Amino acid sequence: MSWTTITVWIICALLAGGIGWSKYEKKKTRDKYLAELAAMDRDRREKLLTRLNPKVQTELRQQLMLRYGLS
């Protein structure tokens, strides 16, 4: 094994770890945001959801229905 091979493997491992960590943080943040939305009253939640991108809005509404049974 050469140093080049070892270096390439180390770089790949660091990139994979970084990608995995960012996906984990994104999921954790989304779960926290969903919990906050579920705790809000309906009018406030709807007002906040209407400000979001329609694609994200639809996804959040689906997750609220699946997890918390809220519309």
Protein backbone atom coordinates (compact mmCIF):
# COMPACT_ATOMS: atom_id res chain seq x y z
CA MET A 1 0.00 0.00 0.00
CA SER A 2 1.24 3.42 -0.87
CA TRP A 3 0.73 6.69 0.94
CA THR A 4 -1.47 7.89 -1.92
CA THR A 5 -3.89 5.02 -1.36
CA ILE A 6 -4.02 5.65 2.36
CA THR A 7 -4.58 9.36 1.80
CA VAL A 8 -7.42 8.72 -0.64
CA TRP A 9 -9.11 6.33 1.80
CA ILE A 10 -8.80 8.84 4.64
CA ILE A 11 -10.29 11.63 2.52
CA CYS A 12 -13.18 9.36 1.46
CA ALA A 13 -13.86 8.39 5.07
CA LEU A 14 -13.89 12.05 6.17
CA LEU A 15 -16.27 12.99 3.34
CA ALA A 16 -18.61 10.10 4.16
CA GLY A 17 -18.59 11.07 7.84
CA GLY A 18 -19.35 14.70 6.99
CA ILE A 19 -22.23 13.77 4.71
CA GLY A 20 -23.68 11.41 7.31
CA TRP A 21 -23.39 14.01 10.05
CA SER A 22 -25.11 16.70 7.99
CA LYS A 23 -28.01 14.35 7.16
CA TYR A 24 -28.34 13.47 10.85
CA GLU A 25 -28.41 17.16 11.85
CA LYS A 26 -30.99 17.95 9.16
CA LYS A 27 -33.27 15.16 10.39
CA LYS A 28 -32.82 16.21 14.01
CA THR A 29 -33.67 19.84 13.17
CA ARG A 30 -36.72 18.82 11.15
CA ASP A 31 -38.00 16.62 14.00
CA LYS A 32 -37.58 19.49 16.46
CA TYR A 33 -39.41 21.87 14.09
CA LEU A 34 -42.27 19.39 13.66
CA ALA A 35 -42.63 19.05 17.43
CA GLU A 36 -42.81 22.84 17.77
CA LEU A 37 -45.43 23.03 15.02
CA ALA A 38 -47.49 20.31 16.69
CA ALA A 39 -47.42 22.23 19.98
CA MET A 40 -48.78 25.42 18.36
CA ASP A 41 -52.44 26.25 18.09
CA ARG A 42 -53.99 25.63 14.67
CA ASP A 43 -54.27 29.26 13.50
CA ARG A 44 -50.68 30.09 14.36
CA ARG A 45 -49.44 26.86 12.72
CA GLU A 46 -51.36 27.60 9.51
CA LYS A 47 -50.04 31.16 9.40
CA LEU A 48 -46.47 29.91 9.76
CA LEU A 49 -46.92 27.14 7.18
CA THR A 50 -48.31 29.53 4.56
CA ARG A 51 -45.04 31.48 4.64
CA LEU A 52 -42.99 28.45 3.59
CA ASN A 53 -42.10 27.12 0.17
CA PRO A 54 -45.09 25.08 -1.17
CA LYS A 55 -42.98 21.94 -1.52
CA VAL A 56 -41.72 22.14 2.07
CA GLN A 57 -45.20 23.13 3.24
CA THR A 58 -46.74 19.99 1.75
CA GLU A 59 -44.03 17.78 3.22
CA LEU A 60 -44.45 19.27 6.70
CA ARG A 61 -48.23 18.89 6.55
CA GLN A 62 -47.85 15.22 5.60
CA GLN A 63 -45.42 14.61 8.45
CA LEU A 64 -47.74 16.36 10.92
CA MET A 65 -50.60 14.10 9.80
CA LEU A 66 -48.52 10.93 10.03
CA ARG A 67 -46.81 11.62 13.34
CA TYR A 68 -49.30 13.67 15.30
CA GLY A 69 -52.64 13.30 13.49
CA LEU A 70 -52.85 17.05 12.94
CA SER A 71 -53.99 18.86 9.83
